[in-house]
């Protein structure tokens, strides 16, 4: 059975485009509910015409330019991170029309088995978390920046660092320092820090001048 209320709330607009600069349609924009994509068509305008498509997140006073259209055009646009959409002519070139329709891309369904039968949910599911293994490495950090660890666990997706020493250590890029303009993120003694990070990104650490600090690193993949 079709849900009429849901059908009526589907995003869809037909707007007249005047030969002038400014917002077309509502200055407050229109809500997009479940839709994550827009199908757009602009017709009858000249080749130098430009139109900003602006997005707003719920309860924010700010509007952000998602994309700028030039001339008569048709295509699709990702609006998945916005709650309201509006349109602003930035360079007029003849009058025309804009057509917009929201939609949700098709996805392969996945299924759950329940006592009452099979429930089919449209979407996709990707497992996350520990899937391959973990690796614990004990390191001594000096006042020369070094990678944590020297060799990363393959397919890593998260890390935990624990400062086992008497002095702070500082995280950053390969040019990280313990003070000054390139001073890294400080981890004080006996503290720990976790981050989701792949094995393609290298984190460096350094101890204060003249000091050494023991660090325990745990990687998950």
N, C-alpha and C. Protein backbone atom coordinates (compact mmCIF):
# COMPACT_ATOMS: atom_id res chain seq x y z
N UNK A 1 0.84 -1.19 0.00
CA UNK A 1 0.00 0.00 0.00
C UNK A 1 0.88 1.24 0.00
N UNK A 2 0.56 2.24 -0.78
CA UNK A 2 1.33 3.47 -0.87
C UNK A 2 0.95 4.39 0.27
N UNK A 3 1.98 4.94 0.91
CA UNK A 3 1.76 5.93 1.96
C UNK A 3 1.58 7.29 1.30
N UNK A 4 0.33 7.78 1.25
CA UNK A 4 0.05 9.03 0.55
C UNK A 4 0.75 10.22 1.17
N UNK A 5 0.84 10.24 2.50
CA UNK A 5 1.50 11.37 3.17
C UNK A 5 2.97 11.42 2.77
N UNK A 6 3.62 10.23 2.71
CA UNK A 6 5.02 10.19 2.32
C UNK A 6 5.20 10.59 0.87
N UNK A 7 4.25 10.18 0.01
CA UNK A 7 4.33 10.51 -1.40
C UNK A 7 4.21 12.01 -1.61
N UNK A 8 3.29 12.64 -0.88
CA UNK A 8 3.07 14.07 -1.03
C UNK A 8 4.25 14.90 -0.53
N UNK A 9 5.06 14.35 0.40
CA UNK A 9 6.17 15.10 0.96
C UNK A 9 7.42 15.02 0.10
N UNK A 10 7.37 14.24 -0.98
CA UNK A 10 8.54 14.11 -1.85
C UNK A 10 8.92 15.47 -2.43
N UNK A 11 10.21 15.75 -2.39
CA UNK A 11 10.69 17.05 -2.86
C UNK A 11 10.51 17.17 -4.37
N UNK A 12 9.91 18.27 -4.81
CA UNK A 12 9.75 18.52 -6.23
C UNK A 12 9.35 19.96 -6.48
N UNK A 13 10.02 20.64 -7.41
CA UNK A 13 9.75 22.05 -7.68
C UNK A 13 9.79 22.35 -9.17
N UNK A 14 8.98 23.34 -9.56
CA UNK A 14 9.09 23.97 -10.86
C UNK A 14 9.13 25.47 -10.59
N UNK A 15 10.24 26.13 -10.98
CA UNK A 15 10.43 27.54 -10.67
C UNK A 15 10.70 28.35 -11.93
N UNK A 16 10.12 29.55 -12.00
CA UNK A 16 10.42 30.49 -13.06
C UNK A 16 11.74 31.18 -12.75
N UNK A 17 12.61 31.29 -13.74
CA UNK A 17 13.89 31.96 -13.59
C UNK A 17 13.81 33.33 -14.27
N UNK A 18 13.81 34.42 -13.50
CA UNK A 18 13.76 35.76 -14.10
C UNK A 18 15.13 36.16 -14.63
N UNK A 19 15.14 37.17 -15.46
CA UNK A 19 16.40 37.68 -16.01
C UNK A 19 16.98 38.71 -15.04
N UNK A 20 17.22 38.26 -13.79
CA UNK A 20 17.73 39.15 -12.75
C UNK A 20 18.42 38.32 -11.66
N UNK A 21 19.27 39.00 -10.90
CA UNK A 21 19.99 38.34 -9.80
C UNK A 21 19.07 38.18 -8.59
N UNK A 22 19.24 37.08 -7.86
CA UNK A 22 18.51 36.90 -6.61
C UNK A 22 18.00 35.50 -6.39
N UNK A 23 17.40 35.28 -5.21
CA UNK A 23 16.81 33.99 -4.86
C UNK A 23 15.56 33.76 -5.69
N UNK A 24 15.42 32.56 -6.23
CA UNK A 24 14.16 32.19 -6.88
C UNK A 24 13.46 31.16 -5.99
N UNK A 25 12.14 31.26 -5.92
CA UNK A 25 11.42 30.42 -4.98
C UNK A 25 11.50 31.03 -3.59
N UNK A 26 11.32 30.22 -2.57
CA UNK A 26 11.31 30.69 -1.19
C UNK A 26 12.71 31.05 -0.71
N UNK A 27 12.84 32.21 -0.05
CA UNK A 27 14.13 32.61 0.52
C UNK A 27 14.52 31.69 1.67
N UNK A 28 13.54 31.01 2.27
CA UNK A 28 13.80 30.07 3.35
C UNK A 28 14.09 28.67 2.83
N UNK A 29 14.02 28.49 1.51
CA UNK A 29 14.27 27.18 0.92
C UNK A 29 13.15 26.20 1.15
N UNK A 30 13.37 24.98 0.71
CA UNK A 30 12.40 23.89 0.85
C UNK A 30 13.06 22.72 1.55
N UNK A 31 12.30 22.03 2.39
CA UNK A 31 12.84 20.88 3.11
C UNK A 31 13.06 19.69 2.20
N UNK A 32 14.14 18.97 2.44
CA UNK A 32 14.36 17.66 1.82
C UNK A 32 14.33 16.65 2.95
N UNK A 33 13.49 15.63 2.82
CA UNK A 33 13.27 14.70 3.90
C UNK A 33 14.21 13.49 3.78
N UNK A 34 13.76 12.43 3.16
CA UNK A 34 14.60 11.25 3.00
C UNK A 34 15.50 11.35 1.77
N UNK A 35 15.19 12.30 0.87
CA UNK A 35 15.93 12.38 -0.39
C UNK A 35 17.40 12.71 -0.17
N UNK A 36 18.27 12.04 -0.89
CA UNK A 36 19.71 12.30 -0.82
C UNK A 36 20.29 12.80 -2.13
N UNK A 37 19.48 12.76 -3.20
CA UNK A 37 19.92 13.23 -4.52
C UNK A 37 18.86 14.14 -5.12
N UNK A 38 19.30 15.07 -5.95
CA UNK A 38 18.40 15.91 -6.73
C UNK A 38 18.62 15.66 -8.21
N UNK A 39 17.53 15.55 -8.94
CA UNK A 39 17.58 15.58 -10.40
C UNK A 39 17.19 16.99 -10.81
N UNK A 40 18.07 17.68 -11.53
CA UNK A 40 17.86 19.08 -11.87
C UNK A 40 17.84 19.28 -13.38
N UNK A 41 17.01 20.23 -13.82
CA UNK A 41 16.97 20.61 -15.22
C UNK A 41 16.72 22.11 -15.32
N UNK A 42 17.59 22.81 -16.04
CA UNK A 42 17.43 24.24 -16.29
C UNK A 42 17.29 24.43 -17.80
N UNK A 43 16.23 25.13 -18.23
CA UNK A 43 15.99 25.28 -19.67
C UNK A 43 15.77 26.75 -20.04
N UNK A 44 16.01 27.05 -21.31
CA UNK A 44 15.71 28.34 -21.95
C UNK A 44 16.61 29.50 -21.53
N UNK A 45 17.57 29.28 -20.63
CA UNK A 45 18.47 30.36 -20.25
C UNK A 45 19.65 30.43 -21.23
N UNK A 46 20.42 31.55 -21.18
CA UNK A 46 21.57 31.72 -22.05
C UNK A 46 22.81 31.02 -21.53
N UNK A 47 23.88 30.98 -22.33
CA UNK A 47 25.09 30.22 -21.97
C UNK A 47 25.88 30.81 -20.82
N UNK A 48 25.72 32.11 -20.51
CA UNK A 48 26.47 32.71 -19.41
C UNK A 48 25.69 32.71 -18.10
N UNK A 49 24.49 32.15 -18.12
CA UNK A 49 23.66 32.07 -16.91
C UNK A 49 24.36 31.21 -15.85
N UNK A 50 24.36 31.68 -14.59
CA UNK A 50 24.87 30.87 -13.48
C UNK A 50 23.87 30.89 -12.33
N UNK A 51 23.78 29.75 -11.65
CA UNK A 51 22.83 29.56 -10.56
C UNK A 51 23.53 28.79 -9.44
N UNK A 52 23.52 29.35 -8.23
CA UNK A 52 24.04 28.65 -7.07
C UNK A 52 22.94 27.82 -6.43
N UNK A 53 23.24 26.56 -6.15
CA UNK A 53 22.35 25.71 -5.36
C UNK A 53 22.88 25.72 -3.95
N UNK A 54 22.07 26.20 -3.00
CA UNK A 54 22.52 26.39 -1.63
C UNK A 54 21.82 25.40 -0.70
N UNK A 55 22.57 24.95 0.30
CA UNK A 55 22.03 24.02 1.29
C UNK A 55 22.14 24.58 2.70
N UNK A 56 21.22 24.14 3.55
CA UNK A 56 21.22 24.57 4.94
C UNK A 56 20.98 23.35 5.82
N UNK A 57 21.68 23.29 6.95
CA UNK A 57 21.42 22.22 7.91
C UNK A 57 20.41 22.71 8.94
N UNK A 58 19.70 21.78 9.54
CA UNK A 58 18.60 22.11 10.44
C UNK A 58 19.06 23.01 11.59
N UNK A 59 18.30 24.06 11.85
CA UNK A 59 18.51 25.01 12.93
C UNK A 59 19.70 25.94 12.73
N UNK A 60 20.36 25.87 11.58
CA UNK A 60 21.48 26.78 11.31
C UNK A 60 20.98 28.00 10.53
N UNK A 61 21.55 29.19 10.79
CA UNK A 61 21.17 30.36 10.01
C UNK A 61 21.95 30.48 8.71
N UNK A 62 22.92 29.60 8.49
CA UNK A 62 23.83 29.73 7.36
C UNK A 62 23.41 28.89 6.16
N UNK A 63 23.68 29.44 4.98
CA UNK A 63 23.46 28.73 3.72
C UNK A 63 24.82 28.51 3.05
N UNK A 64 25.00 27.31 2.46
CA UNK A 64 26.27 26.94 1.85
C UNK A 64 26.05 26.59 0.37
N UNK A 65 26.96 27.04 -0.48
CA UNK A 65 26.86 26.72 -1.90
C UNK A 65 27.28 25.27 -2.11
N UNK A 66 26.33 24.45 -2.57
CA UNK A 66 26.62 23.04 -2.85
C UNK A 66 27.24 22.90 -4.24
N UNK A 67 26.68 23.64 -5.21
CA UNK A 67 27.17 23.56 -6.58
C UNK A 67 26.71 24.81 -7.34
N UNK A 68 27.42 25.14 -8.41
CA UNK A 68 27.04 26.25 -9.29
C UNK A 68 26.76 25.69 -10.68
N UNK A 69 25.56 25.97 -11.21
CA UNK A 69 25.19 25.53 -12.54
C UNK A 69 25.44 26.64 -13.54
N UNK A 70 25.86 26.28 -14.74
CA UNK A 70 26.12 27.26 -15.80
C UNK A 70 25.34 26.89 -17.05
N UNK A 71 24.53 27.85 -17.55
CA UNK A 71 23.77 27.63 -18.77
C UNK A 71 22.64 26.64 -18.59
N UNK A 72 22.02 26.26 -19.72
CA UNK A 72 20.98 25.23 -19.70
C UNK A 72 21.63 23.89 -19.43
N UNK A 73 21.11 23.14 -18.46
CA UNK A 73 21.82 21.94 -18.02
C UNK A 73 20.83 20.97 -17.40
N UNK A 74 21.21 19.71 -17.39
CA UNK A 74 20.47 18.70 -16.66
C UNK A 74 21.46 17.74 -16.01
N UNK A 75 21.12 17.23 -14.83
CA UNK A 75 22.01 16.31 -14.14
C UNK A 75 21.54 16.05 -12.73
N UNK A 76 22.38 15.36 -11.94
CA UNK A 76 22.05 15.01 -10.57
C UNK A 76 23.04 15.64 -9.61
N UNK A 77 22.60 15.81 -8.37
CA UNK A 77 23.41 16.47 -7.35
C UNK A 77 23.22 15.79 -6.01
N UNK A 78 24.32 15.59 -5.26
CA UNK A 78 24.26 15.00 -3.93
C UNK A 78 23.85 16.06 -2.90
N UNK A 79 22.75 15.83 -2.18
CA UNK A 79 22.28 16.75 -1.15
C UNK A 79 22.17 16.04 0.20
N UNK A 80 22.88 14.93 0.37
CA UNK A 80 22.68 14.05 1.51
C UNK A 80 23.03 14.68 2.85
N UNK A 81 23.82 15.76 2.86
CA UNK A 81 24.22 16.36 4.14
C UNK A 81 23.47 17.64 4.46
N UNK A 82 22.37 17.91 3.76
CA UNK A 82 21.62 19.14 3.98
C UNK A 82 20.14 18.84 4.25
N UNK A 83 19.47 19.80 4.94
CA UNK A 83 18.06 19.63 5.30
C UNK A 83 17.13 20.55 4.51
N UNK A 84 17.66 21.65 3.98
CA UNK A 84 16.86 22.57 3.16
C UNK A 84 17.69 22.98 1.95
N UNK A 85 16.99 23.25 0.84
CA UNK A 85 17.64 23.62 -0.43
C UNK A 85 16.97 24.87 -0.98
N UNK A 86 17.79 25.78 -1.54
CA UNK A 86 17.24 26.93 -2.24
C UNK A 86 18.15 27.27 -3.43
N UNK A 87 17.70 28.20 -4.28
CA UNK A 87 18.37 28.49 -5.54
C UNK A 87 18.58 30.00 -5.68
N UNK A 88 19.77 30.39 -6.14
CA UNK A 88 20.10 31.81 -6.25
C UNK A 88 20.76 32.10 -7.60
N UNK A 89 20.13 32.95 -8.40
CA UNK A 89 20.71 33.38 -9.68
C UNK A 89 21.84 34.35 -9.39
N UNK A 90 23.05 34.03 -9.85
CA UNK A 90 24.21 34.90 -9.62
C UNK A 90 24.61 35.66 -10.87
N UNK A 91 24.24 35.14 -12.04
CA UNK A 91 24.48 35.87 -13.29
C UNK A 91 23.33 35.58 -14.25
N UNK A 92 22.40 36.53 -14.43
CA UNK A 92 21.25 36.28 -15.31
C UNK A 92 21.62 36.30 -16.79
N UNK A 93 20.96 35.47 -17.56
CA UNK A 93 21.11 35.47 -19.03
C UNK A 93 19.83 34.89 -19.61
N UNK A 94 18.82 35.74 -19.80
CA UNK A 94 17.50 35.36 -20.29
C UNK A 94 16.67 34.69 -19.20
N UNK A 95 15.38 34.71 -19.39
CA UNK A 95 14.46 34.02 -18.48
C UNK A 95 14.39 32.55 -18.85
N UNK A 96 14.04 31.72 -17.87
CA UNK A 96 13.94 30.29 -18.12
C UNK A 96 13.15 29.60 -17.04
N UNK A 97 13.36 28.31 -16.92
CA UNK A 97 12.65 27.51 -15.92
C UNK A 97 13.61 26.52 -15.27
N UNK A 98 13.34 26.22 -14.00
CA UNK A 98 14.11 25.21 -13.27
C UNK A 98 13.16 24.13 -12.79
N UNK A 99 13.55 22.88 -12.99
CA UNK A 99 12.79 21.73 -12.50
C UNK A 99 13.71 20.93 -11.57
N UNK A 100 13.20 20.56 -10.40
CA UNK A 100 14.00 19.80 -9.44
C UNK A 100 13.15 18.71 -8.82
N UNK A 101 13.71 17.53 -8.67
CA UNK A 101 13.00 16.42 -8.06
C UNK A 101 13.98 15.62 -7.21
N UNK A 102 13.58 15.36 -5.95
CA UNK A 102 14.43 14.59 -5.06
C UNK A 102 14.18 13.10 -5.21
N UNK A 103 15.23 12.31 -4.97
CA UNK A 103 15.07 10.86 -5.03
C UNK A 103 16.12 10.20 -4.15
N UNK A 104 15.90 8.92 -3.90
CA UNK A 104 16.82 8.09 -3.12
C UNK A 104 17.39 7.05 -4.07
N UNK A 105 18.73 6.96 -4.22
CA UNK A 105 19.32 5.98 -5.14
C UNK A 105 18.92 4.56 -4.76
N UNK A 106 18.76 3.72 -5.77
CA UNK A 106 18.46 2.32 -5.51
C UNK A 106 19.64 1.65 -4.84
N UNK A 107 19.36 0.70 -3.97
CA UNK A 107 20.42 -0.05 -3.30
C UNK A 107 20.00 -1.50 -3.21
N UNK A 108 20.97 -2.39 -3.11
CA UNK A 108 20.66 -3.81 -2.95
C UNK A 108 20.05 -4.04 -1.57
N UNK A 109 18.92 -4.71 -1.48
CA UNK A 109 18.30 -4.93 -0.17
C UNK A 109 19.05 -5.97 0.64
N UNK A 110 19.01 -5.83 1.98
CA UNK A 110 19.48 -6.92 2.82
C UNK A 110 18.32 -7.38 3.67
N UNK A 111 18.41 -8.60 4.24
CA UNK A 111 17.24 -9.23 4.83
C UNK A 111 17.52 -9.66 6.27
N UNK A 112 16.48 -9.56 7.12
CA UNK A 112 16.51 -10.09 8.46
C UNK A 112 15.42 -11.15 8.56
N UNK A 113 15.69 -12.23 9.28
CA UNK A 113 14.68 -13.25 9.51
C UNK A 113 14.08 -13.03 10.88
N UNK A 114 12.78 -12.86 10.95
CA UNK A 114 12.09 -12.66 12.22
C UNK A 114 11.12 -13.80 12.46
N UNK A 115 10.62 -13.96 13.70
CA UNK A 115 9.65 -15.03 13.97
C UNK A 115 8.40 -14.92 13.13
N UNK A 116 8.04 -13.72 12.71
CA UNK A 116 6.82 -13.52 11.94
C UNK A 116 7.05 -13.60 10.44
N UNK A 117 8.28 -13.86 10.05
CA UNK A 117 8.56 -13.95 8.62
C UNK A 117 9.77 -13.11 8.25
N UNK A 118 9.95 -12.87 6.98
CA UNK A 118 11.12 -12.18 6.48
C UNK A 118 10.84 -10.69 6.32
N UNK A 119 11.73 -9.87 6.89
CA UNK A 119 11.63 -8.42 6.76
C UNK A 119 12.71 -7.96 5.80
N UNK A 120 12.33 -7.31 4.72
CA UNK A 120 13.28 -6.83 3.72
C UNK A 120 13.47 -5.33 3.90
N UNK A 121 14.71 -4.90 4.08
CA UNK A 121 15.04 -3.50 4.30
C UNK A 121 15.89 -3.02 3.14
N UNK A 122 15.48 -1.91 2.52
CA UNK A 122 16.25 -1.37 1.43
C UNK A 122 17.46 -0.63 1.97
N UNK A 123 18.63 -0.94 1.46
CA UNK A 123 19.86 -0.30 1.92
C UNK A 123 21.01 -1.27 1.81
N UNK A 124 22.10 -0.92 2.44
CA UNK A 124 23.27 -1.80 2.45
C UNK A 124 23.89 -1.76 3.83
N UNK A 125 24.61 -2.81 4.19
CA UNK A 125 25.20 -2.91 5.51
C UNK A 125 26.64 -3.36 5.36
N UNK A 126 27.56 -2.65 6.03
CA UNK A 126 28.97 -2.99 6.00
C UNK A 126 29.45 -3.22 7.43
N UNK A 127 29.93 -4.44 7.76
CA UNK A 127 30.42 -4.68 9.12
C UNK A 127 31.62 -3.79 9.42
N UNK A 128 31.78 -3.40 10.67
CA UNK A 128 32.93 -2.61 11.08
C UNK A 128 33.50 -3.20 12.36
N UNK A 129 34.64 -2.63 12.81
CA UNK A 129 35.27 -3.11 14.02
C UNK A 129 36.39 -4.08 13.72
N UNK A 130 36.79 -4.87 14.72
CA UNK A 130 37.91 -5.80 14.60
C UNK A 130 37.53 -6.96 13.69
N UNK A 131 38.22 -7.08 12.56
CA UNK A 131 37.88 -8.11 11.58
C UNK A 131 39.09 -8.96 11.21
N UNK A 132 40.31 -8.44 11.39
CA UNK A 132 41.51 -9.15 10.96
C UNK A 132 42.40 -9.55 12.14
N UNK A 133 42.71 -8.60 13.00
CA UNK A 133 43.58 -8.89 14.13
C UNK A 133 44.01 -7.63 14.82
N UNK A 134 44.93 -7.77 15.78
CA UNK A 134 45.47 -6.61 16.48
C UNK A 134 46.95 -6.81 16.71
N UNK A 135 47.65 -5.71 17.02
CA UNK A 135 49.08 -5.76 17.24
C UNK A 135 49.44 -4.76 18.32
N UNK A 136 50.19 -5.21 19.34
CA UNK A 136 50.67 -4.34 20.41
C UNK A 136 52.17 -4.14 20.22
N UNK A 137 52.60 -2.87 20.25
CA UNK A 137 54.01 -2.52 20.07
C UNK A 137 54.44 -1.62 21.21
N UNK A 138 55.60 -1.93 21.83
CA UNK A 138 56.18 -1.09 22.87
C UNK A 138 57.36 -0.34 22.29
N UNK A 139 57.34 0.99 22.43
CA UNK A 139 58.35 1.83 21.82
C UNK A 139 58.96 2.78 22.83
N UNK A 140 60.17 3.23 22.53
CA UNK A 140 60.81 4.29 23.31
C UNK A 140 60.93 5.52 22.42
N UNK A 141 60.28 6.60 22.82
CA UNK A 141 60.28 7.84 22.06
C UNK A 141 61.37 8.76 22.59
N UNK A 142 62.18 9.33 21.71
CA UNK A 142 63.24 10.25 22.09
C UNK A 142 62.87 11.67 21.63
N UNK A 143 63.85 12.57 21.69
CA UNK A 143 63.60 13.94 21.24
C UNK A 143 63.78 14.10 19.74
N UNK A 144 63.79 12.97 19.01
CA UNK A 144 63.77 12.97 17.55
C UNK A 144 62.47 12.32 17.12
N UNK A 145 61.70 12.99 16.27
CA UNK A 145 60.39 12.48 15.86
C UNK A 145 60.52 11.11 15.20
N UNK A 146 59.66 10.18 15.60
CA UNK A 146 59.66 8.84 15.01
C UNK A 146 58.24 8.37 14.81
N UNK A 147 58.05 7.45 13.86
CA UNK A 147 56.72 6.94 13.52
C UNK A 147 56.21 6.00 14.61
N UNK A 148 54.90 6.01 14.82
CA UNK A 148 54.24 5.13 15.78
C UNK A 148 53.25 4.23 15.04
N UNK A 149 53.53 2.91 14.91
CA UNK A 149 54.84 2.28 15.11
C UNK A 149 55.69 2.44 13.86
N UNK A 150 56.86 1.82 13.83
CA UNK A 150 57.73 1.95 12.66
C UNK A 150 57.12 1.26 11.45
N UNK A 151 56.43 0.14 11.67
CA UNK A 151 55.73 -0.58 10.60
C UNK A 151 54.28 -0.77 11.03
N UNK A 152 53.34 -0.28 10.22
CA UNK A 152 51.92 -0.33 10.59
C UNK A 152 51.33 -1.72 10.37
N UNK A 153 50.31 -2.06 11.16
CA UNK A 153 49.54 -3.28 10.96
C UNK A 153 48.73 -3.15 9.67
N UNK A 154 48.84 -4.12 8.79
CA UNK A 154 48.13 -4.07 7.51
C UNK A 154 46.63 -4.02 7.73
N UNK A 155 45.94 -3.18 6.93
CA UNK A 155 44.49 -3.00 6.99
C UNK A 155 44.02 -2.40 8.30
N UNK A 156 44.88 -1.70 8.98
CA UNK A 156 44.53 -1.08 10.26
C UNK A 156 43.35 -0.10 10.10
N UNK A 157 42.49 -0.05 11.14
CA UNK A 157 41.41 0.94 11.12
C UNK A 157 41.31 1.75 12.40
N UNK A 158 42.06 1.39 13.45
CA UNK A 158 42.06 2.21 14.66
C UNK A 158 43.30 1.92 15.49
N UNK A 159 43.63 2.87 16.39
CA UNK A 159 44.82 2.77 17.23
C UNK A 159 44.52 3.30 18.63
N UNK A 160 45.29 2.79 19.61
CA UNK A 160 45.29 3.33 20.97
C UNK A 160 46.74 3.57 21.37
N UNK A 161 47.01 4.75 21.93
CA UNK A 161 48.33 5.09 22.43
C UNK A 161 48.26 5.25 23.94
N UNK A 162 49.26 4.75 24.66
CA UNK A 162 49.34 4.94 26.10
C UNK A 162 50.73 5.43 26.46
N UNK A 163 50.80 6.57 27.16
CA UNK A 163 52.07 7.14 27.61
C UNK A 163 52.47 6.44 28.90
N UNK A 164 53.54 5.63 28.85
CA UNK A 164 53.98 4.87 30.01
C UNK A 164 55.16 5.53 30.71
N UNK A 165 55.51 6.77 30.32
CA UNK A 165 56.69 7.43 30.85
C UNK A 165 56.37 8.53 31.86
N UNK A 166 57.42 9.28 32.22
CA UNK A 166 57.31 10.34 33.21
C UNK A 166 57.16 11.72 32.58
N UNK A 167 57.24 11.78 31.25
CA UNK A 167 57.14 13.06 30.54
C UNK A 167 56.07 12.97 29.46
N UNK A 168 55.58 14.12 29.04
CA UNK A 168 54.61 14.17 27.96
C UNK A 168 55.26 13.78 26.63
N UNK A 169 54.44 13.30 25.70
CA UNK A 169 54.87 13.14 24.32
C UNK A 169 53.94 13.96 23.45
N UNK A 170 54.37 14.23 22.21
CA UNK A 170 53.63 15.12 21.33
C UNK A 170 53.45 14.44 19.97
N UNK A 171 52.18 14.37 19.50
CA UNK A 171 51.84 13.73 18.23
C UNK A 171 51.76 14.76 17.12
N UNK A 172 52.07 14.32 15.89
CA UNK A 172 51.92 15.20 14.74
C UNK A 172 52.44 14.55 13.48
N UNK A 173 52.78 15.39 12.50
CA UNK A 173 53.39 14.92 11.26
C UNK A 173 54.89 14.69 11.47
N UNK A 174 55.60 14.40 10.41
CA UNK A 174 57.02 14.08 10.51
C UNK A 174 57.85 15.25 11.04
N UNK A 175 57.32 16.48 10.96
CA UNK A 175 58.05 17.66 11.43
C UNK A 175 57.61 18.09 12.83
N UNK A 176 56.94 17.21 13.57
CA UNK A 176 56.42 17.56 14.88
C UNK A 176 57.56 17.88 15.85
N UNK A 177 57.30 18.84 16.74
CA UNK A 177 58.26 19.20 17.78
C UNK A 177 57.55 19.20 19.13
N UNK A 178 58.35 19.27 20.22
CA UNK A 178 57.79 19.28 21.56
C UNK A 178 57.44 20.68 22.03
N UNK A 179 57.81 21.69 21.24
CA UNK A 179 57.49 23.07 21.58
C UNK A 179 57.57 23.92 20.33
N UNK A 180 57.12 25.16 20.41
CA UNK A 180 57.22 26.07 19.28
C UNK A 180 56.08 25.93 18.29
N UNK A 181 56.33 26.43 17.07
CA UNK A 181 55.28 26.51 16.06
C UNK A 181 54.77 25.14 15.62
N UNK A 182 55.61 24.11 15.65
CA UNK A 182 55.21 22.78 15.21
C UNK A 182 54.93 21.83 16.37
N UNK A 183 54.67 22.40 17.55
CA UNK A 183 54.38 21.56 18.71
C UNK A 183 53.16 20.70 18.44
N UNK A 184 53.28 19.40 18.73
CA UNK A 184 52.22 18.46 18.44
C UNK A 184 51.17 18.40 19.54
N UNK A 185 50.22 17.48 19.35
CA UNK A 185 49.15 17.25 20.32
C UNK A 185 49.74 16.52 21.52
N UNK A 186 49.58 17.09 22.73
CA UNK A 186 50.25 16.57 23.93
C UNK A 186 49.47 15.42 24.56
N UNK A 187 50.22 14.37 24.92
CA UNK A 187 49.67 13.27 25.70
C UNK A 187 50.48 13.19 26.98
N UNK A 188 49.86 13.52 28.11
CA UNK A 188 50.57 13.61 29.37
C UNK A 188 50.87 12.21 29.91
N UNK A 189 51.77 12.10 30.90
CA UNK A 189 52.10 10.79 31.48
C UNK A 189 50.88 10.04 32.00
N UNK A 190 50.87 8.73 31.78
CA UNK A 190 49.82 7.81 32.23
C UNK A 190 48.47 8.03 31.54
N UNK A 191 48.45 8.83 30.49
CA UNK A 191 47.22 9.06 29.74
C UNK A 191 47.21 8.19 28.48
N UNK A 192 46.02 7.99 27.92
CA UNK A 192 45.88 7.22 26.69
C UNK A 192 45.05 8.01 25.70
N UNK A 193 45.15 7.63 24.43
CA UNK A 193 44.45 8.34 23.35
C UNK A 193 44.12 7.34 22.27
N UNK A 194 42.89 7.38 21.74
CA UNK A 194 42.49 6.46 20.67
C UNK A 194 42.02 7.25 19.47
N UNK A 195 42.18 6.66 18.28
CA UNK A 195 41.79 7.33 17.05
C UNK A 195 41.49 6.29 15.98
N UNK A 196 40.50 6.55 15.12
CA UNK A 196 40.23 5.72 13.95
C UNK A 196 41.14 6.20 12.83
N UNK A 197 42.02 5.33 12.35
CA UNK A 197 43.03 5.75 11.37
C UNK A 197 43.51 4.54 10.57
N UNK A 198 43.66 4.68 9.26
CA UNK A 198 44.10 3.58 8.42
C UNK A 198 45.61 3.47 8.42
N UNK A 199 46.10 2.35 7.88
CA UNK A 199 47.55 2.13 7.85
C UNK A 199 48.27 2.99 6.81
N UNK A 200 47.53 3.74 6.01
CA UNK A 200 48.17 4.62 5.02
C UNK A 200 48.55 5.97 5.63
N UNK A 201 48.09 6.25 6.84
CA UNK A 201 48.41 7.50 7.52
C UNK A 201 49.38 7.21 8.66
N UNK A 202 50.49 7.93 8.70
CA UNK A 202 51.52 7.71 9.71
C UNK A 202 51.47 8.83 10.74
N UNK A 203 51.44 8.45 12.01
CA UNK A 203 51.49 9.40 13.11
C UNK A 203 52.91 9.38 13.69
N UNK A 204 53.46 10.57 13.92
CA UNK A 204 54.79 10.70 14.51
C UNK A 204 54.66 11.22 15.94
N UNK A 205 55.66 10.90 16.78
CA UNK A 205 55.69 11.38 18.15
C UNK A 205 57.10 11.80 18.52
N UNK A 206 57.18 12.70 19.50
CA UNK A 206 58.48 13.19 19.96
C UNK A 206 58.38 13.49 21.45
N UNK A 207 59.51 13.32 22.15
CA UNK A 207 59.59 13.63 23.58
C UNK A 207 60.28 14.98 23.76
N UNK A 208 60.17 15.59 24.95
CA UNK A 208 60.88 16.85 25.19
C UNK A 208 62.39 16.67 25.02
N UNK A 209 63.09 17.76 24.82
CA UNK A 209 64.53 17.73 24.58
C UNK A 209 65.25 17.02 25.73
N UNK A 210 66.09 16.04 25.34
CA UNK A 210 66.89 15.31 26.31
C UNK A 210 66.17 14.21 27.06
N UNK A 211 64.88 13.95 26.73
CA UNK A 211 64.09 12.95 27.46
C UNK A 211 63.76 11.75 26.58
N UNK A 212 63.46 10.63 27.22
CA UNK A 212 62.94 9.44 26.55
C UNK A 212 61.67 9.01 27.27
N UNK A 213 60.71 8.52 26.49
CA UNK A 213 59.40 8.15 27.04
C UNK A 213 58.98 6.81 26.44
N UNK A 214 58.54 5.90 27.30
CA UNK A 214 58.02 4.62 26.84
C UNK A 214 56.55 4.76 26.44
N UNK A 215 56.21 4.22 25.28
CA UNK A 215 54.85 4.32 24.75
C UNK A 215 54.39 2.94 24.31
N UNK A 216 53.14 2.60 24.66
CA UNK A 216 52.53 1.37 24.20
C UNK A 216 51.51 1.71 23.13
N UNK A 217 51.57 1.01 22.00
CA UNK A 217 50.67 1.25 20.88
C UNK A 217 49.90 -0.02 20.57
N UNK A 218 48.58 0.08 20.48
CA UNK A 218 47.76 -1.04 20.06
C UNK A 218 47.05 -0.67 18.76
N UNK A 219 47.15 -1.56 17.76
CA UNK A 219 46.51 -1.34 16.47
C UNK A 219 45.44 -2.41 16.25
N UNK A 220 44.33 -2.01 15.64
CA UNK A 220 43.24 -2.92 15.30
C UNK A 220 43.01 -2.92 13.80
N UNK A 221 42.71 -4.08 13.24
CA UNK A 221 42.41 -4.19 11.81
C UNK A 221 41.22 -5.11 11.62
